Amino acid sequence: MKFIENMKWRYATKKFNPKKQISNKDLEFLKQAIQLSVSSYGLQLYKVLIIEDPKIRQQLRAASYNQSQITDASKLVIFAHHRSLTSKAVDDFITRTALAQGKNFDDLKGYGSHIKDALGSKTENELEHWASKQTYLAMANLINACAELKIDACPMEGFDKAEYNRILGLNKLGLQASVITPIGYRSSDDETQHFKKVRRPISELFETI
């Protein structure tokens, strides 16, 4: 039961050690943590990009107000949500559910229709806002999993989404960059790691009704 200890250990890392890299074994663990994230209806209407190419990361750094985490972290994880819902996305989910749970696809078609109706009632802006929120759930799993492995992370919204879309060719894929998380290992001279964590006290944050 070291979850609380891990949460106290982690912080939004400002300076990474570019020489220290995440192992393939740990990266696979983090991928599984993201894969197992909760998602509305279980749809997971997003793509997770792991950027390693130094040239691309230099371009992305310029589109991120020149923040050093973009190039210095071991990996740059980008969560990009689908900008629209397609019937195929729901049908694919129903197929995966049928295969995973040993059920008949036809028996689940009613649930698929319910999802299509529920999400189809949203406006385009509402649907994209909903899809974007799902990526934050996945990012939270990544951050918590990183803390378990004593891998540093820095959730970031400070970047030019349009430029990210352009550099990574996301527009033609129907994707929108939503939130990013550089992951790796803190630099010894990152002063932020020594700052006391500031949170609202439990007595103010919670109310039992």
N, C-alpha and C. Protein backbone atom coordinates (compact mmCIF):
# COMPACT_ATOMS: atom_id res chain seq x y z
N MET A 1 0.84 -1.20 0.00
CA MET A 1 0.00 0.00 0.00
C MET A 1 0.88 1.25 0.00
N LYS A 2 1.57 1.48 -1.09
CA LYS A 2 2.48 2.62 -1.17
C LYS A 2 1.92 3.73 -2.07
N PHE A 3 0.64 3.65 -2.39
CA PHE A 3 0.07 4.61 -3.32
C PHE A 3 0.22 6.04 -2.82
N ILE A 4 -0.13 6.28 -1.54
CA ILE A 4 -0.06 7.63 -1.00
C ILE A 4 1.40 8.10 -0.96
N GLU A 5 2.31 7.21 -0.61
CA GLU A 5 3.73 7.57 -0.61
C GLU A 5 4.18 7.98 -2.01
N ASN A 6 3.72 7.22 -3.02
CA ASN A 6 4.08 7.53 -4.41
C ASN A 6 3.52 8.88 -4.84
N MET A 7 2.29 9.18 -4.39
CA MET A 7 1.67 10.46 -4.74
C MET A 7 2.42 11.62 -4.09
N LYS A 8 2.94 11.39 -2.90
CA LYS A 8 3.70 12.44 -2.23
C LYS A 8 5.07 12.62 -2.89
N TRP A 9 5.58 11.54 -3.45
CA TRP A 9 6.91 11.58 -4.09
C TRP A 9 6.88 12.34 -5.41
N ARG A 10 5.81 12.16 -6.19
CA ARG A 10 5.77 12.72 -7.54
C ARG A 10 5.51 14.22 -7.51
N TYR A 11 5.88 14.86 -8.59
CA TYR A 11 5.60 16.29 -8.80
C TYR A 11 5.68 16.55 -10.29
N ALA A 12 5.21 17.70 -10.72
CA ALA A 12 5.27 18.06 -12.13
C ALA A 12 6.71 18.47 -12.45
N THR A 13 7.46 17.55 -13.00
CA THR A 13 8.89 17.74 -13.21
C THR A 13 9.17 18.83 -14.24
N LYS A 14 10.01 19.78 -13.87
CA LYS A 14 10.32 20.89 -14.75
C LYS A 14 11.60 20.67 -15.55
N LYS A 15 12.54 19.93 -14.98
CA LYS A 15 13.80 19.66 -15.68
C LYS A 15 14.09 18.16 -15.63
N PHE A 16 14.24 17.58 -16.81
CA PHE A 16 14.53 16.15 -16.91
C PHE A 16 16.02 15.92 -17.19
N ASN A 17 16.48 14.73 -16.83
CA ASN A 17 17.83 14.29 -17.17
C ASN A 17 17.79 13.62 -18.54
N PRO A 18 18.29 14.28 -19.59
CA PRO A 18 18.16 13.72 -20.94
C PRO A 18 19.00 12.46 -21.17
N LYS A 19 19.91 12.16 -20.27
CA LYS A 19 20.77 10.99 -20.43
C LYS A 19 20.16 9.71 -19.86
N LYS A 20 19.11 9.86 -19.07
CA LYS A 20 18.52 8.69 -18.42
C LYS A 20 17.23 8.31 -19.14
N GLN A 21 17.19 7.08 -19.61
CA GLN A 21 16.08 6.63 -20.45
C GLN A 21 15.23 5.57 -19.75
N ILE A 22 13.96 5.56 -20.09
CA ILE A 22 13.04 4.55 -19.56
C ILE A 22 13.29 3.22 -20.25
N SER A 23 13.33 2.14 -19.50
CA SER A 23 13.58 0.82 -20.08
C SER A 23 12.35 0.35 -20.86
N ASN A 24 12.57 -0.56 -21.80
CA ASN A 24 11.46 -1.11 -22.58
C ASN A 24 10.45 -1.82 -21.68
N LYS A 25 10.96 -2.50 -20.66
CA LYS A 25 10.08 -3.21 -19.73
C LYS A 25 9.16 -2.24 -19.02
N ASP A 26 9.71 -1.14 -18.52
CA ASP A 26 8.89 -0.14 -17.82
C ASP A 26 7.92 0.54 -18.78
N LEU A 27 8.36 0.76 -20.02
CA LEU A 27 7.48 1.41 -20.99
C LEU A 27 6.27 0.52 -21.29
N GLU A 28 6.48 -0.79 -21.38
CA GLU A 28 5.37 -1.70 -21.62
C GLU A 28 4.39 -1.67 -20.45
N PHE A 29 4.91 -1.56 -19.23
CA PHE A 29 4.06 -1.44 -18.04
C PHE A 29 3.18 -0.19 -18.14
N LEU A 30 3.78 0.92 -18.55
CA LEU A 30 3.05 2.18 -18.67
C LEU A 30 1.99 2.10 -19.76
N LYS A 31 2.31 1.42 -20.85
CA LYS A 31 1.33 1.23 -21.93
C LYS A 31 0.11 0.47 -21.43
N GLN A 32 0.37 -0.58 -20.65
CA GLN A 32 -0.74 -1.37 -20.11
C GLN A 32 -1.59 -0.54 -19.15
N ALA A 33 -0.92 0.31 -18.36
CA ALA A 33 -1.65 1.16 -17.43
C ALA A 33 -2.59 2.10 -18.19
N ILE A 34 -2.11 2.66 -19.29
CA ILE A 34 -2.95 3.53 -20.12
C ILE A 34 -4.08 2.72 -20.74
N GLN A 35 -3.75 1.54 -21.26
CA GLN A 35 -4.74 0.69 -21.91
C GLN A 35 -5.89 0.33 -20.96
N LEU A 36 -5.59 0.17 -19.68
CA LEU A 36 -6.59 -0.26 -18.70
C LEU A 36 -7.35 0.92 -18.08
N SER A 37 -7.13 2.11 -18.60
CA SER A 37 -7.80 3.29 -18.06
C SER A 37 -9.31 3.21 -18.22
N VAL A 38 -10.00 3.83 -17.29
CA VAL A 38 -11.45 3.94 -17.42
C VAL A 38 -11.76 4.88 -18.58
N SER A 39 -12.91 4.66 -19.21
CA SER A 39 -13.32 5.50 -20.33
C SER A 39 -14.83 5.39 -20.46
N SER A 40 -15.48 6.49 -20.73
CA SER A 40 -16.94 6.49 -20.86
C SER A 40 -17.37 5.47 -21.91
N TYR A 41 -18.28 4.58 -21.50
CA TYR A 41 -18.76 3.47 -22.33
C TYR A 41 -17.66 2.46 -22.66
N GLY A 42 -16.43 2.73 -22.24
CA GLY A 42 -15.31 1.85 -22.59
C GLY A 42 -14.79 2.06 -23.99
N LEU A 43 -15.19 3.16 -24.63
CA LEU A 43 -14.88 3.37 -26.05
C LEU A 43 -13.41 3.71 -26.30
N GLN A 44 -12.79 4.48 -25.41
CA GLN A 44 -11.41 4.92 -25.60
C GLN A 44 -11.20 5.54 -26.98
N LEU A 45 -11.94 6.61 -27.23
CA LEU A 45 -11.87 7.26 -28.55
C LEU A 45 -10.70 8.22 -28.62
N TYR A 46 -9.51 7.68 -28.47
CA TYR A 46 -8.30 8.48 -28.56
C TYR A 46 -7.13 7.61 -29.01
N LYS A 47 -6.08 8.28 -29.41
CA LYS A 47 -4.84 7.64 -29.81
C LYS A 47 -3.74 8.17 -28.92
N VAL A 48 -2.82 7.29 -28.53
CA VAL A 48 -1.70 7.70 -27.68
C VAL A 48 -0.41 7.60 -28.49
N LEU A 49 0.24 8.74 -28.68
CA LEU A 49 1.48 8.78 -29.45
C LEU A 49 2.66 8.89 -28.50
N ILE A 50 3.67 8.06 -28.71
CA ILE A 50 4.90 8.12 -27.93
C ILE A 50 6.00 8.63 -28.86
N ILE A 51 6.42 9.85 -28.62
CA ILE A 51 7.36 10.50 -29.53
C ILE A 51 8.79 10.34 -29.01
N GLU A 52 9.62 9.72 -29.86
CA GLU A 52 11.03 9.54 -29.53
C GLU A 52 11.94 10.30 -30.50
N ASP A 53 11.51 10.48 -31.73
CA ASP A 53 12.33 11.11 -32.77
C ASP A 53 12.78 12.50 -32.33
N PRO A 54 14.10 12.73 -32.19
CA PRO A 54 14.59 14.03 -31.70
C PRO A 54 14.24 15.21 -32.61
N LYS A 55 14.20 14.99 -33.92
CA LYS A 55 13.87 16.08 -34.84
C LYS A 55 12.42 16.53 -34.65
N ILE A 56 11.54 15.56 -34.53
CA ILE A 56 10.13 15.89 -34.32
C ILE A 56 9.95 16.58 -32.97
N ARG A 57 10.67 16.11 -31.98
CA ARG A 57 10.53 16.70 -30.65
C ARG A 57 11.07 18.14 -30.61
N GLN A 58 12.06 18.43 -31.42
CA GLN A 58 12.53 19.81 -31.52
C GLN A 58 11.43 20.70 -32.09
N GLN A 59 10.74 20.20 -33.10
CA GLN A 59 9.64 20.96 -33.69
C GLN A 59 8.52 21.16 -32.66
N LEU A 60 8.23 20.11 -31.91
CA LEU A 60 7.17 20.19 -30.92
C LEU A 60 7.56 21.11 -29.77
N ARG A 61 8.85 21.16 -29.46
CA ARG A 61 9.30 22.08 -28.41
C ARG A 61 9.02 23.52 -28.81
N ALA A 62 9.26 23.83 -30.08
CA ALA A 62 8.99 25.19 -30.57
C ALA A 62 7.50 25.51 -30.48
N ALA A 63 6.67 24.46 -30.58
CA ALA A 63 5.23 24.65 -30.48
C ALA A 63 4.74 24.51 -29.04
N SER A 64 5.68 24.45 -28.10
CA SER A 64 5.35 24.29 -26.69
C SER A 64 6.02 25.38 -25.85
N TYR A 65 6.14 26.56 -26.45
CA TYR A 65 6.73 27.72 -25.77
C TYR A 65 8.15 27.42 -25.28
N ASN A 66 8.84 26.58 -26.04
CA ASN A 66 10.25 26.25 -25.79
C ASN A 66 10.50 25.60 -24.43
N GLN A 67 9.53 24.87 -23.94
CA GLN A 67 9.69 24.20 -22.65
C GLN A 67 10.61 22.99 -22.82
N SER A 68 11.62 22.91 -21.97
CA SER A 68 12.68 21.91 -22.13
C SER A 68 12.22 20.48 -21.92
N GLN A 69 11.12 20.29 -21.19
CA GLN A 69 10.65 18.93 -20.94
C GLN A 69 10.36 18.18 -22.23
N ILE A 70 9.95 18.92 -23.25
CA ILE A 70 9.55 18.29 -24.51
C ILE A 70 10.69 17.51 -25.15
N THR A 71 11.90 18.04 -25.06
CA THR A 71 13.05 17.38 -25.68
C THR A 71 13.92 16.61 -24.69
N ASP A 72 13.89 16.98 -23.43
CA ASP A 72 14.81 16.39 -22.46
C ASP A 72 14.28 15.14 -21.78
N ALA A 73 12.97 14.97 -21.72
CA ALA A 73 12.41 13.77 -21.10
C ALA A 73 12.72 12.55 -21.96
N SER A 74 12.67 11.38 -21.36
CA SER A 74 12.95 10.16 -22.11
C SER A 74 11.95 9.95 -23.24
N LYS A 75 10.66 10.17 -22.95
CA LYS A 75 9.60 10.02 -23.94
C LYS A 75 8.64 11.20 -23.83
N LEU A 76 8.00 11.51 -24.92
CA LEU A 76 6.92 12.49 -24.91
C LEU A 76 5.64 11.76 -25.30
N VAL A 77 4.70 11.73 -24.37
CA VAL A 77 3.43 11.03 -24.61
C VAL A 77 2.36 12.06 -24.96
N ILE A 78 1.71 11.84 -26.09
CA ILE A 78 0.68 12.76 -26.56
C ILE A 78 -0.65 12.01 -26.63
N PHE A 79 -1.65 12.56 -25.99
CA PHE A 79 -3.00 11.99 -26.05
C PHE A 79 -3.80 12.82 -27.06
N ALA A 80 -4.32 12.15 -28.08
CA ALA A 80 -5.07 12.84 -29.13
C ALA A 80 -6.44 12.18 -29.27
N HIS A 81 -7.50 12.97 -29.14
CA HIS A 81 -8.84 12.39 -29.21
C HIS A 81 -9.41 12.49 -30.62
N HIS A 82 -10.34 11.60 -30.91
CA HIS A 82 -11.05 11.65 -32.19
C HIS A 82 -12.03 12.81 -32.16
N ARG A 83 -12.09 13.53 -33.25
CA ARG A 83 -12.91 14.74 -33.29
C ARG A 83 -14.37 14.45 -33.58
N SER A 84 -14.68 13.25 -34.04
CA SER A 84 -16.07 12.90 -34.32
C SER A 84 -16.28 11.43 -34.00
N LEU A 85 -17.53 11.07 -33.79
CA LEU A 85 -17.88 9.68 -33.50
C LEU A 85 -18.41 9.03 -34.77
N THR A 86 -17.91 7.86 -35.09
CA THR A 86 -18.39 7.12 -36.24
C THR A 86 -19.09 5.84 -35.78
N SER A 87 -20.03 5.38 -36.58
CA SER A 87 -20.72 4.13 -36.26
C SER A 87 -19.73 2.98 -36.18
N LYS A 88 -18.67 3.05 -37.02
CA LYS A 88 -17.68 1.99 -37.03
C LYS A 88 -16.96 1.89 -35.69
N ALA A 89 -16.68 3.05 -35.06
CA ALA A 89 -15.99 3.04 -33.78
C ALA A 89 -16.81 2.30 -32.73
N VAL A 90 -18.11 2.54 -32.74
CA VAL A 90 -18.99 1.85 -31.78
C VAL A 90 -19.10 0.37 -32.14
N ASP A 91 -19.25 0.07 -33.42
CA ASP A 91 -19.35 -1.33 -33.85
C ASP A 91 -18.08 -2.10 -33.51
N ASP A 92 -16.94 -1.46 -33.67
CA ASP A 92 -15.66 -2.11 -33.32
C ASP A 92 -15.61 -2.41 -31.83
N PHE A 93 -16.12 -1.47 -31.02
CA PHE A 93 -16.15 -1.68 -29.58
C PHE A 93 -17.06 -2.86 -29.22
N ILE A 94 -18.21 -2.92 -29.84
CA ILE A 94 -19.15 -4.01 -29.58
C ILE A 94 -18.52 -5.34 -29.99
N THR A 95 -17.80 -5.35 -31.11
CA THR A 95 -17.12 -6.57 -31.55
C THR A 95 -16.07 -7.00 -30.53
N ARG A 96 -15.28 -6.05 -30.04
CA ARG A 96 -14.26 -6.37 -29.03
C ARG A 96 -14.91 -6.92 -27.76
N THR A 97 -16.04 -6.32 -27.39
CA THR A 97 -16.75 -6.77 -26.19
C THR A 97 -17.26 -8.19 -26.36
N ALA A 98 -17.84 -8.47 -27.51
CA ALA A 98 -18.36 -9.81 -27.78
C ALA A 98 -17.24 -10.85 -27.73
N LEU A 99 -16.11 -10.53 -28.33
CA LEU A 99 -14.99 -11.48 -28.35
C LEU A 99 -14.40 -11.67 -26.95
N ALA A 100 -14.25 -10.58 -26.21
CA ALA A 100 -13.62 -10.64 -24.89
C ALA A 100 -14.51 -11.36 -23.88
N GLN A 101 -15.83 -11.18 -24.00
CA GLN A 101 -16.75 -11.72 -23.00
C GLN A 101 -17.49 -12.95 -23.49
N GLY A 102 -17.14 -13.42 -24.68
CA GLY A 102 -17.76 -14.63 -25.20
C GLY A 102 -19.25 -14.49 -25.47
N LYS A 103 -19.65 -13.31 -25.94
CA LYS A 103 -21.05 -13.05 -26.21
C LYS A 103 -21.30 -12.96 -27.70
N ASN A 104 -22.56 -13.02 -28.06
CA ASN A 104 -22.95 -12.90 -29.46
C ASN A 104 -23.05 -11.43 -29.84
N PHE A 105 -22.49 -11.08 -30.98
CA PHE A 105 -22.51 -9.68 -31.42
C PHE A 105 -23.94 -9.15 -31.52
N ASP A 106 -24.86 -9.96 -32.05
CA ASP A 106 -26.24 -9.51 -32.23
C ASP A 106 -26.91 -9.19 -30.89
N ASP A 107 -26.50 -9.90 -29.82
CA ASP A 107 -27.09 -9.66 -28.51
C ASP A 107 -26.65 -8.32 -27.93
N LEU A 108 -25.56 -7.77 -28.45
CA LEU A 108 -25.02 -6.51 -27.95
C LEU A 108 -25.36 -5.32 -28.85
N LYS A 109 -26.02 -5.60 -29.95
CA LYS A 109 -26.32 -4.52 -30.89
C LYS A 109 -27.20 -3.44 -30.27
N GLY A 110 -28.08 -3.85 -29.36
CA GLY A 110 -28.95 -2.88 -28.70
C GLY A 110 -28.14 -1.90 -27.85
N TYR A 111 -27.10 -2.41 -27.19
CA TYR A 111 -26.23 -1.54 -26.40
C TYR A 111 -25.47 -0.59 -27.32
N GLY A 112 -25.04 -1.11 -28.46
CA GLY A 112 -24.35 -0.27 -29.43
C GLY A 112 -25.25 0.85 -29.93
N SER A 113 -26.51 0.53 -30.17
CA SER A 113 -27.46 1.55 -30.63
C SER A 113 -27.69 2.60 -29.56
N HIS A 114 -27.71 2.15 -28.30
CA HIS A 114 -27.87 3.09 -27.18
C HIS A 114 -26.71 4.08 -27.14
N ILE A 115 -25.50 3.58 -27.32
CA ILE A 115 -24.32 4.46 -27.31
C ILE A 115 -24.41 5.46 -28.46
N LYS A 116 -24.76 4.97 -29.64
CA LYS A 116 -24.86 5.85 -30.80
C LYS A 116 -25.91 6.93 -30.59
N ASP A 117 -27.03 6.56 -30.00
CA ASP A 117 -28.10 7.53 -29.75
C ASP A 117 -27.68 8.56 -28.71
N ALA A 118 -27.05 8.07 -27.63
CA ALA A 118 -26.66 8.96 -26.53
C ALA A 118 -25.62 9.98 -26.98
N LEU A 119 -24.63 9.52 -27.70
CA LEU A 119 -23.57 10.42 -28.15
C LEU A 119 -24.00 11.20 -29.38
N GLY A 120 -24.88 10.61 -30.17
CA GLY A 120 -25.37 11.29 -31.36
C GLY A 120 -26.24 12.50 -31.04
N SER A 121 -26.75 12.56 -29.81
CA SER A 121 -27.58 13.69 -29.41
C SER A 121 -26.75 14.91 -29.04
N LYS A 122 -25.45 14.73 -28.91
CA LYS A 122 -24.56 15.84 -28.56
C LYS A 122 -24.25 16.67 -29.80
N THR A 123 -24.01 17.95 -29.61
CA THR A 123 -23.54 18.79 -30.71
C THR A 123 -22.10 18.43 -31.01
N GLU A 124 -21.58 18.91 -32.12
CA GLU A 124 -20.20 18.63 -32.49
C GLU A 124 -19.23 19.11 -31.41
N ASN A 125 -19.47 20.31 -30.89
CA ASN A 125 -18.61 20.86 -29.85
C ASN A 125 -18.71 20.06 -28.55
N GLU A 126 -19.92 19.66 -28.19
CA GLU A 126 -20.12 18.87 -26.98
C GLU A 126 -19.42 17.52 -27.09
N LEU A 127 -19.51 16.90 -28.25
CA LEU A 127 -18.90 15.60 -28.46
C LEU A 127 -17.38 15.69 -28.37
N GLU A 128 -16.81 16.74 -28.96
CA GLU A 128 -15.36 16.88 -28.92
C GLU A 128 -14.89 17.18 -27.50
N HIS A 129 -15.66 17.98 -26.77
CA HIS A 129 -15.31 18.27 -25.38
C HIS A 129 -15.35 16.99 -24.55
N TRP A 130 -16.37 16.18 -24.77
CA TRP A 130 -16.50 14.89 -24.08
C TRP A 130 -15.31 13.98 -24.41
N ALA A 131 -14.96 13.91 -25.69
CA ALA A 131 -13.86 13.04 -26.11
C ALA A 131 -12.54 13.51 -25.51
N SER A 132 -12.36 14.81 -25.43
CA SER A 132 -11.13 15.36 -24.86
C SER A 132 -10.99 14.97 -23.39
N LYS A 133 -12.10 15.00 -22.65
CA LYS A 133 -12.05 14.67 -21.23
C LYS A 133 -11.61 13.24 -20.99
N GLN A 134 -11.91 12.36 -21.94
CA GLN A 134 -11.51 10.95 -21.77
C GLN A 134 -9.98 10.80 -21.74
N THR A 135 -9.29 11.66 -22.46
CA THR A 135 -7.83 11.56 -22.50
C THR A 135 -7.21 11.91 -21.15
N TYR A 136 -7.88 12.76 -20.38
CA TYR A 136 -7.36 13.13 -19.07
C TYR A 136 -7.44 11.96 -18.09
N LEU A 137 -8.47 11.12 -18.26
CA LEU A 137 -8.57 9.92 -17.45
C LEU A 137 -7.39 8.99 -17.74
N ALA A 138 -7.06 8.85 -19.02
CA ALA A 138 -5.94 7.99 -19.40
C ALA A 138 -4.62 8.57 -18.91
N MET A 139 -4.48 9.89 -19.00
CA MET A 139 -3.26 10.53 -18.54
C MET A 139 -3.07 10.33 -17.04
N ALA A 140 -4.16 10.37 -16.29
CA ALA A 140 -4.07 10.16 -14.84
C ALA A 140 -3.51 8.78 -14.54
N ASN A 141 -3.95 7.77 -15.29
CA ASN A 141 -3.40 6.43 -15.10
C ASN A 141 -1.91 6.39 -15.39
N LEU A 142 -1.51 7.09 -16.45
CA LEU A 142 -0.08 7.15 -16.79
C LEU A 142 0.71 7.77 -15.65
N ILE A 143 0.24 8.88 -15.12
CA ILE A 143 0.96 9.58 -14.06
C ILE A 143 1.08 8.71 -12.81
N ASN A 144 -0.01 8.03 -12.44
CA ASN A 144 0.02 7.17 -11.26
C ASN A 144 0.94 5.97 -11.46
N ALA A 145 0.91 5.41 -12.67
CA ALA A 145 1.79 4.26 -12.97
C ALA A 145 3.25 4.69 -12.96
N CYS A 146 3.51 5.88 -13.48
CA CYS A 146 4.88 6.40 -13.45
C CYS A 146 5.37 6.52 -12.01
N ALA A 147 4.52 7.03 -11.14
CA ALA A 147 4.91 7.21 -9.74
C ALA A 147 5.24 5.86 -9.10
N GLU A 148 4.51 4.83 -9.47
CA GLU A 148 4.78 3.51 -8.90
C GLU A 148 6.16 3.02 -9.29
N LEU A 149 6.60 3.37 -10.51
CA LEU A 149 7.91 2.94 -11.00
C LEU A 149 9.01 3.95 -10.68
N LYS A 150 8.63 5.03 -9.96
CA LYS A 150 9.56 6.12 -9.68
C LYS A 150 10.10 6.73 -10.99
N ILE A 151 9.17 6.89 -11.92
CA ILE A 151 9.43 7.58 -13.17
C ILE A 151 8.74 8.93 -13.08
N ASP A 152 9.42 9.97 -13.47
CA ASP A 152 8.87 11.31 -13.37
C ASP A 152 7.99 11.65 -14.57
N ALA A 153 7.04 12.53 -14.32
CA ALA A 153 6.10 12.93 -15.37
C ALA A 153 5.70 14.38 -15.18
N CYS A 154 5.27 14.99 -16.27
CA CYS A 154 4.83 16.39 -16.20
C CYS A 154 3.63 16.59 -17.12
N PRO A 155 2.39 16.51 -16.57
CA PRO A 155 1.22 16.77 -17.41
C PRO A 155 1.22 18.21 -17.88
N MET A 156 0.95 18.42 -19.17
CA MET A 156 1.07 19.77 -19.73
C MET A 156 -0.08 20.09 -20.69
N GLU A 157 -0.59 21.29 -20.55
CA GLU A 157 -1.56 21.82 -21.50
C GLU A 157 -0.98 23.01 -22.27
N GLY A 158 0.22 23.44 -21.89
CA GLY A 158 0.84 24.61 -22.50
C GLY A 158 1.53 24.29 -23.80
N PHE A 159 0.73 24.11 -24.85
CA PHE A 159 1.28 23.87 -26.18
C PHE A 159 0.27 24.30 -27.23
N ASP A 160 0.75 24.54 -28.42
CA ASP A 160 -0.10 24.98 -29.53
C ASP A 160 -0.69 23.74 -30.20
N LYS A 161 -1.95 23.49 -29.94
CA LYS A 161 -2.58 22.27 -30.45
C LYS A 161 -2.62 22.23 -31.97
N ALA A 162 -2.87 23.37 -32.58
CA ALA A 162 -2.93 23.42 -34.04
C ALA A 162 -1.59 23.05 -34.65
N GLU A 163 -0.50 23.52 -34.04
CA GLU A 163 0.84 23.20 -34.53
C GLU A 163 1.16 21.72 -34.31
N TYR A 164 0.77 21.19 -33.19
CA TYR A 164 0.96 19.76 -32.94
C TYR A 164 0.23 18.94 -34.00
N ASN A 165 -1.01 19.35 -34.28
CA ASN A 165 -1.79 18.65 -35.29
C ASN A 165 -1.08 18.68 -36.64
N ARG A 166 -0.53 19.84 -36.96
CA ARG A 166 0.15 19.99 -38.25
C ARG A 166 1.43 19.16 -38.30
N ILE A 167 2.26 19.27 -37.29
CA ILE A 167 3.54 18.56 -37.27
C ILE A 167 3.35 17.05 -37.32
N LEU A 168 2.35 16.57 -36.60
CA LEU A 168 2.14 15.12 -36.48
C LEU A 168 1.12 14.58 -37.49
N GLY A 169 0.57 15.46 -38.32
CA GLY A 169 -0.40 15.03 -39.33
C GLY A 169 -1.68 14.48 -38.73
N LEU A 170 -2.12 15.05 -37.62
CA LEU A 170 -3.28 14.53 -36.92
C LEU A 170 -4.59 14.89 -37.60
N ASN A 171 -4.63 16.03 -38.27
CA ASN A 171 -5.88 16.48 -38.89
C ASN A 171 -6.41 15.46 -39.90
N LYS A 172 -5.51 14.92 -40.72
CA LYS A 172 -5.95 13.97 -41.75
C LYS A 172 -6.41 12.65 -41.15
N LEU A 173 -6.08 12.42 -39.86
CA LEU A 173 -6.50 11.21 -39.17
C LEU A 173 -7.76 11.46 -38.33
N GLY A 174 -8.26 12.69 -38.39
CA GLY A 174 -9.45 13.03 -37.61
C GLY A 174 -9.17 13.13 -36.12
N LEU A 175 -7.91 13.46 -35.78
CA LEU A 175 -7.50 13.54 -34.38
C LEU A 175 -7.16 14.96 -33.98
N GLN A 176 -7.27 15.23 -32.70
CA GLN A 176 -6.93 16.53 -32.13
C GLN A 176 -6.05 16.31 -30.91
N ALA A 177 -4.86 16.91 -30.89
CA ALA A 177 -3.99 16.82 -29.72
C ALA A 177 -4.73 17.41 -28.53
N SER A 178 -4.76 16.67 -27.43
CA SER A 178 -5.55 17.07 -26.28
C SER A 178 -4.69 17.49 -25.10
N VAL A 179 -3.81 16.60 -24.65
CA VAL A 179 -2.95 16.88 -23.51
C VAL A 179 -1.68 16.06 -23.68
N ILE A 180 -0.57 16.53 -23.12
CA ILE A 180 0.71 15.85 -23.31
C ILE A 180 1.38 15.60 -21.96
N THR A 181 2.25 14.59 -21.95
CA THR A 181 2.95 14.24 -20.71
C THR A 181 4.37 13.75 -21.03
N PRO A 182 5.37 14.60 -20.87
CA PRO A 182 6.75 14.12 -20.94
C PRO A 182 7.01 13.21 -19.74
N ILE A 183 7.71 12.10 -19.96
CA ILE A 183 8.03 11.17 -18.87
C ILE A 183 9.50 10.81 -18.93
N GLY A 184 10.10 10.58 -17.78
CA GLY A 184 11.52 10.24 -17.72
C GLY A 184 12.02 10.33 -16.30
N TYR A 185 13.15 10.97 -16.12
CA TYR A 185 13.75 11.05 -14.80
C TYR A 185 14.22 12.48 -14.52
N ARG A 186 13.93 12.94 -13.32
CA ARG A 186 14.23 14.32 -12.93
C ARG A 186 15.72 14.61 -12.95
N SER A 187 16.04 15.84 -13.30
CA SER A 187 17.42 16.30 -13.21
C SER A 187 17.72 16.63 -11.76
N SER A 188 18.95 16.37 -11.34
CA SER A 188 19.33 16.63 -9.95
C SER A 188 19.26 18.12 -9.61
N ASP A 189 19.33 18.97 -10.62
CA ASP A 189 19.29 20.41 -10.36
C ASP A 189 17.91 21.03 -10.61
N ASP A 190 16.88 20.18 -10.65
CA ASP A 190 15.52 20.70 -10.74
C ASP A 190 15.08 21.09 -9.35
N GLU A 191 15.07 22.37 -9.07
CA GLU A 191 14.75 22.85 -7.73
C GLU A 191 13.31 22.54 -7.32
N THR A 192 12.45 22.35 -8.31
CA THR A 192 11.03 22.12 -8.03
C THR A 192 10.82 20.87 -7.18
N GLN A 193 11.70 19.88 -7.32
CA GLN A 193 11.53 18.63 -6.58
C GLN A 193 11.62 18.83 -5.07
N HIS A 194 12.20 19.93 -4.64
CA HIS A 194 12.36 20.18 -3.21
C HIS A 194 11.24 21.03 -2.63
N PHE A 195 10.33 21.49 -3.49
CA PHE A 195 9.23 22.31 -3.01
C PHE A 195 8.23 21.44 -2.23
N LYS A 196 7.72 21.96 -1.14
CA LYS A 196 6.71 21.24 -0.37
C LYS A 196 5.41 21.21 -1.18
N LYS A 197 4.79 20.04 -1.22
CA LYS A 197 3.55 19.89 -1.98
C LYS A 197 2.44 20.70 -1.32
N VAL A 198 1.70 21.44 -2.12
CA VAL A 198 0.64 22.29 -1.60
C VAL A 198 -0.71 21.77 -2.09
N ARG A 199 -1.57 21.40 -1.15
CA ARG A 199 -2.91 20.92 -1.46
C ARG A 199 -3.89 21.48 -0.42
N ARG A 200 -5.14 21.60 -0.80
CA ARG A 200 -6.16 22.01 0.15
C ARG A 200 -6.29 20.95 1.23
N PRO A 201 -6.48 21.34 2.49
CA PRO A 201 -6.63 20.35 3.56
C PRO A 201 -7.87 19.49 3.35
N ILE A 202 -7.81 18.25 3.84
CA ILE A 202 -8.93 17.32 3.67
C ILE A 202 -10.19 17.90 4.28
N SER A 203 -10.07 18.61 5.41
CA SER A 203 -11.24 19.17 6.07
C SER A 203 -11.98 20.17 5.20
N GLU A 204 -11.27 20.83 4.27
CA GLU A 204 -11.91 21.79 3.38
C GLU A 204 -12.33 21.14 2.06
N LEU A 205 -11.59 20.15 1.64
CA LEU A 205 -11.81 19.55 0.32
C LEU A 205 -13.03 18.64 0.30
N PHE A 206 -13.29 17.98 1.43
CA PHE A 206 -14.37 16.97 1.47
C PHE A 206 -15.52 17.41 2.34
N GLU A 207 -16.69 16.99 1.94
CA GLU A 207 -17.89 17.17 2.74
C GLU A 207 -18.77 15.94 2.61
N THR A 208 -19.14 15.38 3.70
CA THR A 208 -20.02 14.21 3.71
C THR A 208 -21.45 14.67 3.93
N ILE A 209 -22.34 14.27 3.03
CA ILE A 209 -23.75 14.71 3.09
C ILE A 209 -24.65 13.51 3.39
